[in-house]
Amino acid sequence: MFVLTLLLSVPLGRYMARVYAGERTWLDPVLGPLDRLLYRIGGVRPQEEQTWQQQLKALLTINLIWFLLGMFLLLNQGWLPLNPDGNPGQTADQAFNTAVSFLVNCNLQHYSGESGVSYLSQLYLMFLQFVTAATGMAAAVTVFYALRKGIHTTLGNFYVFFTRSITRILLPLCLVVATILLFNGTPMTFKGKQPMVTVQGDTTMVSTGPVAAFVPIKHLGTNGGGFFGANSAHPLENVNYITNMTQMVAQMLIPFALIFALGYFLKKRKMAWVIWGVMTVGFLLLTIPTMITEMKGNPAITAMGVDPALGAMEGKEVRFGTPASAYWSIATTVISTGSVNAMHDSFMPLSGLNMMLAMMVNCFYGGCGVGILNYFVFIILAVFISGLMVGRTPELLGKKVEAKEMKIAMIVALLHPLLILAGTALAAALPSQTASTLANPGFHGFSEMLYEYTSSAANNGSGFEGLGDNTIWWNISTGLVLILSRYLPIIGPVAIAGILARKKYIPESAGTLRTDTATFGFMVFAVILIVAALAFFPALTLGPVAEQFAH
């Protein structure tokens, strides 16, 4: 699955670079008229470039409109059409959490899809999965434009980047994935619950719906929200090993491809491979131990006389097995998709630690667009530290990195641990609000709370589902974390890129710090590890580490 993703992502990255550069592609004759129609309807002048401030204003304004529309639909879905199962409208706090969660590309679901939303709401949430992924991709492309050689006061057009992300990249890929899912038995219907005969011969009513349309963008857009409560562990959402591989490749494809798109766009392919290499080292350091741990099985269950040959199978699907489930668990937390094909709450303690670390670092591949933006912040930090170490003014691609950029980078870098740790601390300090929602006491209960805020801050959406999270406390507190952790980490890197773009370009010389070397890659990796270790090690010690030693 990993090798296949890499082989597909390199040519896709080349194609994406051409799309964002405005060059001609093979899909232009088909999708060019659609783009022009959308520009005409929206009053967009595609040739008119915007400053970074204008781009952020457009991004934030359109996101506010989507939020208000989502709130209306979720509160009133009980009487609106496309609700064959008669699901009621959500409460105000749950609707707030759901609307915000899908708006910020997190898809933290405090409801079960079968009973919590109507088909109309599902379709609107699917719409959000398209536009929020495109929003992150457009923000990343703004940074691409800023890093070009020369002085730039404008950085392209947000609406053009946004539209092309949907029509030229997300939509065609979704059609391919949807076709694979359909041929393997994923439902595509607007009928309500349908009768199904069980193995025992009983007849039961099973929820279906337009699942084959929903699942592709769920993964290609690194959204992760499940059509069903069990997400990709559900047999109608993830039918067999073919669909499992398809969904696994789909969720990693665009984050991979965006790295190579950066290299092709800036004509710095070696730099792209260094970035990909650093992210891959981090990914493998989390994935391999998790797979080994889960394949060894649970010692407590083995001590009861159960054969551990299949690994730690509690909470995992037999049709996928332990290795594929463990691989998925890290990929989905590193990528910030948040979909699951096994229950993360049932994994071994150190596997849970690795999942949380993947989200705490939040820049090994990452989500659509935002992964590159998060990594860009660490590049700024590494450039500044490296410059100080050798006694030179820090430079990135010919632009001086000065105090203003560093202040913004530090705010963004420290915001992530602040939101996670402050949220968890408040939850632990207010047992009247949280104690009754924990299915497990002690260390694992603390891990459930830590995981919830980590998932929210990383725009991930997966959870330790022993936590009863549909309460006013969890809906509002995580909703606020979701908003802050989405928009400030987008605003910060775009602002840094916009400031750098206006600066005088300094040609490379013998003393220039090269960002396309293994040495610089190691420096960035070291900065990431130091920030993560200093910020999160104490909290992880109180949760998964303590649980591991307790058992």
Foldseek 3Di string as FASTA:
>chain_A
DVVVLLVQQQVVLLVLLCLLVVHDDPCCVPCVVVVVVVCVVVVHDQVDFAALVVLLVVLVVVLVVLLVVQLVCQQCVQPDPLAQVNAHHDDNLQSLLQSLLLSLLQQQHLDWLQRRGGLVSLVSSLVSLLQNLLQLQLLLQQLLQLLAPDFDRTRGHSVSSSVCCRRVPQVVQLVVLLVVLVVLQQDADSHAWDWDQDPVRDIDTHGHYRLSNRLLSLQLQLRAHASGRLFCLDCNNPPAVVNLVSSLSNNLNQLLNNLSNSCSNRVNNLLSVLLLVLLVVLLCVLQVVQLVQQQQADVVVVVVVDDSNQGPCVQADPRQTRNSQSSSLSSLLLQLSQHHSGQLLSGALVNLVSSLLSLLLLQSSYGNNLNVLLLVLLLLVLQCVVCVVVVHQRDDSQFGRDDVLVVLSVCLLVLLLCQLVVQLVVLVVCCVQFVVQAQDDFQSSSSQSSQLRSSLLSSRNHGNVSGSQPDSSNSVSSSVSNVVSRSSSSSSSSVSSSVRSNGGGHDDDPPHDDSSDNVSSVSSSVSSVVSSCVRPVVSSCRHSVVVNVVD
